[in-house]
């Protein structure tokens, strides 16, 4: 379950940094648009992107972002990708996330999948 205070920030328009672990153990971090879907955190990516390949090998993920209304309040979530969506189900969520950030559906020029993250640790603020 997503903490209500964390959800409030995820449902705003922050850029989240998604950190994954490469097969050789190296860290990999990239900024993404993020949203929520039921009790999971959602982000989209290309099905053959480095982050997708890393997460299919090791589903552990960390997300960090700063609150859009308070850049000094970090939001940190650790969890696991528990489901991948593709096709119409993925496009529905991708469009929802894109409309939040840019007011329009996500362009259909490239294939996209959606990762759904089950949060295991959530923290708002330092400490």
C-alpha atoms as a PDB file:
ATOM      1  CA  UNK A   1       0.000   0.000   0.000  1.00  0.00           C
ATOM      2  CA  UNK A   2       1.233   3.483  -0.825  1.00  0.00           C
ATOM      3  CA  UNK A   3       1.437   5.874   2.096  1.00  0.00           C
ATOM      4  CA  UNK A   4      -1.078   8.718   1.494  1.00  0.00           C
ATOM      5  CA  UNK A   5       1.604  11.429   1.872  1.00  0.00           C
ATOM      6  CA  UNK A   6       3.889   9.635  -0.582  1.00  0.00           C
ATOM      7  CA  UNK A   7       0.960   9.107  -2.995  1.00  0.00           C
ATOM      8  CA  UNK A   8       0.202  12.833  -2.954  1.00  0.00           C
ATOM      9  CA  UNK A   9       3.700  13.537  -4.272  1.00  0.00           C
ATOM     10  CA  UNK A  10       3.648  10.678  -6.788  1.00  0.00           C
ATOM     11  CA  UNK A  11       0.336  11.949  -8.164  1.00  0.00           C
ATOM     12  CA  UNK A  12       1.793  15.441  -8.688  1.00  0.00           C
ATOM     13  CA  UNK A  13       4.317  16.076 -11.490  1.00  0.00           C
ATOM     14  CA  UNK A  14       7.760  15.353 -10.062  1.00  0.00           C
ATOM     15  CA  UNK A  15      10.473  13.738 -12.095  1.00  0.00           C
ATOM     16  CA  UNK A  16      11.409  10.540 -10.315  1.00  0.00           C
ATOM     17  CA  UNK A  17      14.829   8.944 -10.539  1.00  0.00           C
ATOM     18  CA  UNK A  18      14.600   5.188 -10.935  1.00  0.00           C
ATOM     19  CA  UNK A  19      17.608   3.198  -9.781  1.00  0.00           C
ATOM     20  CA  UNK A  20      18.114  -0.393 -10.913  1.00  0.00           C
ATOM     21  CA  UNK A  21      20.891  -2.937 -10.669  1.00  0.00           C
ATOM     22  CA  UNK A  22      22.603  -4.115 -13.865  1.00  0.00           C
ATOM     23  CA  UNK A  23      23.488  -7.805 -14.258  1.00  0.00           C
ATOM     24  CA  UNK A  24      27.136  -6.983 -13.435  1.00  0.00           C
ATOM     25  CA  UNK A  25      26.029  -5.277 -10.198  1.00  0.00           C
ATOM     26  CA  UNK A  26      26.521  -1.720 -11.452  1.00  0.00           C
ATOM     27  CA  UNK A  27      23.900   0.856 -10.479  1.00  0.00           C
ATOM     28  CA  UNK A  28      21.809   2.491 -13.187  1.00  0.00           C
ATOM     29  CA  UNK A  29      19.656   5.562 -12.545  1.00  0.00           C
ATOM     30  CA  UNK A  30      17.432   7.519 -14.936  1.00  0.00           C
ATOM     31  CA  UNK A  31      14.705  10.156 -14.592  1.00  0.00           C
ATOM     32  CA  UNK A  32      11.148   9.085 -15.448  1.00  0.00           C
ATOM     33  CA  UNK A  33       7.596  10.293 -15.304  1.00  0.00           C
ATOM     34  CA  UNK A  34       5.807   8.466 -12.518  1.00  0.00           C
ATOM     35  CA  UNK A  35       2.264   7.870 -11.334  1.00  0.00           C
ATOM     36  CA  UNK A  36       0.159   5.513  -9.282  1.00  0.00           C
ATOM     37  CA  UNK A  37      -2.097   2.654 -10.331  1.00  0.00           C
ATOM     38  CA  UNK A  38      -4.211   1.257  -7.507  1.00  0.00           C
ATOM     39  CA  UNK A  39      -1.723   0.433  -4.716  1.00  0.00           C
ATOM     40  CA  UNK A  40       1.301   0.353  -6.992  1.00  0.00           C
ATOM     41  CA  UNK A  41       3.698   2.890  -8.460  1.00  0.00           C
ATOM     42  CA  UNK A  42       3.753   3.030 -12.267  1.00  0.00           C
ATOM     43  CA  UNK A  43       6.305   4.240 -14.776  1.00  0.00           C
ATOM     44  CA  UNK A  44       6.746   3.603 -18.472  1.00  0.00           C
ATOM     45  CA  UNK A  45       9.762   2.621 -20.490  1.00  0.00           C
ATOM     46  CA  UNK A  46      10.816   0.930 -23.687  1.00  0.00           C
ATOM     47  CA  UNK A  47      10.623  -2.870 -23.442  1.00  0.00           C
ATOM     48  CA  UNK A  48      14.306  -3.193 -24.392  1.00  0.00           C
ATOM     49  CA  UNK A  49      15.619  -0.206 -22.431  1.00  0.00           C
ATOM     50  CA  UNK A  50      18.476  -0.686 -19.974  1.00  0.00           C
ATOM     51  CA  UNK A  51      16.120  -0.200 -17.008  1.00  0.00           C
ATOM     52  CA  UNK A  52      13.608  -2.754 -18.336  1.00  0.00           C
ATOM     53  CA  UNK A  53      16.352  -5.314 -18.946  1.00  0.00           C
ATOM     54  CA  UNK A  54      17.826  -4.660 -15.498  1.00  0.00           C
ATOM     55  CA  UNK A  55      14.435  -5.010 -13.814  1.00  0.00           C
ATOM     56  CA  UNK A  56      13.589  -8.229 -15.644  1.00  0.00           C
ATOM     57  CA  UNK A  57      16.900  -9.630 -14.351  1.00  0.00           C
ATOM     58  CA  UNK A  58      16.502  -8.216 -10.812  1.00  0.00           C
ATOM     59  CA  UNK A  59      13.111  -6.629  -9.955  1.00  0.00           C
ATOM     60  CA  UNK A  60      14.440  -4.520  -7.075  1.00  0.00           C
ATOM     61  CA  UNK A  61      14.057  -0.801  -7.674  1.00  0.00           C
ATOM     62  CA  UNK A  62      14.539   2.467  -5.808  1.00  0.00           C
ATOM     63  CA  UNK A  63      12.775   5.696  -6.707  1.00  0.00           C
ATOM     64  CA  UNK A  64      13.625   9.141  -5.424  1.00  0.00           C
ATOM     65  CA  UNK A  65      11.982  12.459  -6.108  1.00  0.00           C
ATOM     66  CA  UNK A  66      11.546  15.853  -4.577  1.00  0.00           C
ATOM     67  CA  UNK A  67       8.163  17.298  -3.811  1.00  0.00           C
ATOM     68  CA  UNK A  68       7.061  19.770  -6.479  1.00  0.00           C
ATOM     69  CA  UNK A  69       5.832  22.169  -3.796  1.00  0.00           C
ATOM     70  CA  UNK A  70       8.847  21.665  -1.495  1.00  0.00           C
ATOM     71  CA  UNK A  71      12.137  20.770  -3.187  1.00  0.00           C
ATOM     72  CA  UNK A  72      13.762  20.249   0.214  1.00  0.00           C
ATOM     73  CA  UNK A  73      11.495  17.305   1.070  1.00  0.00           C
ATOM     74  CA  UNK A  74      12.774  14.090  -0.487  1.00  0.00           C
ATOM     75  CA  UNK A  75      10.515  11.145  -1.210  1.00  0.00           C
ATOM     76  CA  UNK A  76      12.251   7.769  -1.312  1.00  0.00           C
ATOM     77  CA  UNK A  77      10.642   4.445  -2.187  1.00  0.00           C
ATOM     78  CA  UNK A  78      12.186   1.013  -2.470  1.00  0.00           C
ATOM     79  CA  UNK A  79      10.305  -1.968  -3.798  1.00  0.00           C
ATOM     80  CA  UNK A  80      10.012  -4.537  -6.547  1.00  0.00           C
ATOM     81  CA  UNK A  81       8.500  -4.574  -9.998  1.00  0.00           C
ATOM     82  CA  UNK A  82       5.723  -7.112  -9.555  1.00  0.00           C
ATOM     83  CA  UNK A  83       3.985  -6.746 -12.907  1.00  0.00           C
ATOM     84  CA  UNK A  84       4.690  -5.609 -16.463  1.00  0.00           C
ATOM     85  CA  UNK A  85       1.879  -4.317 -18.663  1.00  0.00           C
ATOM     86  CA  UNK A  86       1.967  -4.004 -22.426  1.00  0.00           C
ATOM     87  CA  UNK A  87      -0.535  -3.369 -25.201  1.00  0.00           C
ATOM     88  CA  UNK A  88      -3.744  -1.468 -24.457  1.00  0.00           C
ATOM     89  CA  UNK A  89      -3.367  -1.830 -20.670  1.00  0.00           C
ATOM     90  CA  UNK A  90       0.047  -0.162 -20.799  1.00  0.00           C
ATOM     91  CA  UNK A  91      -1.103   2.596 -23.155  1.00  0.00           C
ATOM     92  CA  UNK A  92      -3.996   3.456 -20.847  1.00  0.00           C
ATOM     93  CA  UNK A  93      -1.611   4.077 -17.943  1.00  0.00           C
ATOM     94  CA  UNK A  94       1.020   5.740 -20.163  1.00  0.00           C
ATOM     95  CA  UNK A  95      -1.644   8.166 -21.405  1.00  0.00           C
ATOM     96  CA  UNK A  96      -2.779   8.884 -17.844  1.00  0.00           C
ATOM     97  CA  UNK A  97       0.778   9.683 -16.786  1.00  0.00           C
ATOM     98  CA  UNK A  98       1.490  11.774 -19.905  1.00  0.00           C
ATOM     99  CA  UNK A  99      -1.720  13.800 -19.510  1.00  0.00           C
ATOM    100  CA  UNK A 100      -0.646  14.616 -15.963  1.00  0.00           C
ATOM    101  CA  UNK A 101       2.738  15.964 -17.151  1.00  0.00           C
ATOM    102  CA  UNK A 102       2.011  17.482 -20.578  1.00  0.00           C
ATOM    103  CA  UNK A 103      -1.769  17.539 -20.954  1.00  0.00           C
ATOM    104  CA  UNK A 104      -1.841  15.096 -23.883  1.00  0.00           C
ATOM    105  CA  UNK A 105      -1.701  11.369 -24.566  1.00  0.00           C
ATOM    106  CA  UNK A 106       1.687   9.693 -24.897  1.00  0.00           C
ATOM    107  CA  UNK A 107       2.936   9.611 -28.530  1.00  0.00           C
ATOM    108  CA  UNK A 108       2.581   6.249 -30.240  1.00  0.00           C
ATOM    109  CA  UNK A 109       5.876   6.448 -32.142  1.00  0.00           C
ATOM    110  CA  UNK A 110       7.673   3.874 -29.970  1.00  0.00           C
ATOM    111  CA  UNK A 111       6.653   0.720 -28.142  1.00  0.00           C
ATOM    112  CA  UNK A 112       6.162   1.207 -24.402  1.00  0.00           C
ATOM    113  CA  UNK A 113       5.582  -1.036 -21.394  1.00  0.00           C
ATOM    114  CA  UNK A 114       4.542  -0.081 -17.878  1.00  0.00           C
ATOM    115  CA  UNK A 115       6.286  -1.362 -14.761  1.00  0.00           C
ATOM    116  CA  UNK A 116       4.171  -1.675 -11.623  1.00  0.00           C
ATOM    117  CA  UNK A 117       6.128  -1.394  -8.395  1.00  0.00           C
ATOM    118  CA  UNK A 118       5.017  -2.821  -5.062  1.00  0.00           C
ATOM    119  CA  UNK A 119       6.513  -0.465  -2.437  1.00  0.00           C
ATOM    120  CA  UNK A 120       8.366  -2.167   0.420  1.00  0.00           C
ATOM    121  CA  UNK A 121       9.878   0.924   2.056  1.00  0.00           C
ATOM    122  CA  UNK A 122       8.588   4.512   1.794  1.00  0.00           C
ATOM    123  CA  UNK A 123       9.938   7.654   3.361  1.00  0.00           C
ATOM    124  CA  UNK A 124       8.918  11.282   3.112  1.00  0.00           C
ATOM    125  CA  UNK A 125      11.586  13.676   4.344  1.00  0.00           C
ATOM    126  CA  UNK A 126      14.931  12.897   5.873  1.00  0.00           C
ATOM    127  CA  UNK A 127      15.533  10.627   8.791  1.00  0.00           C
END
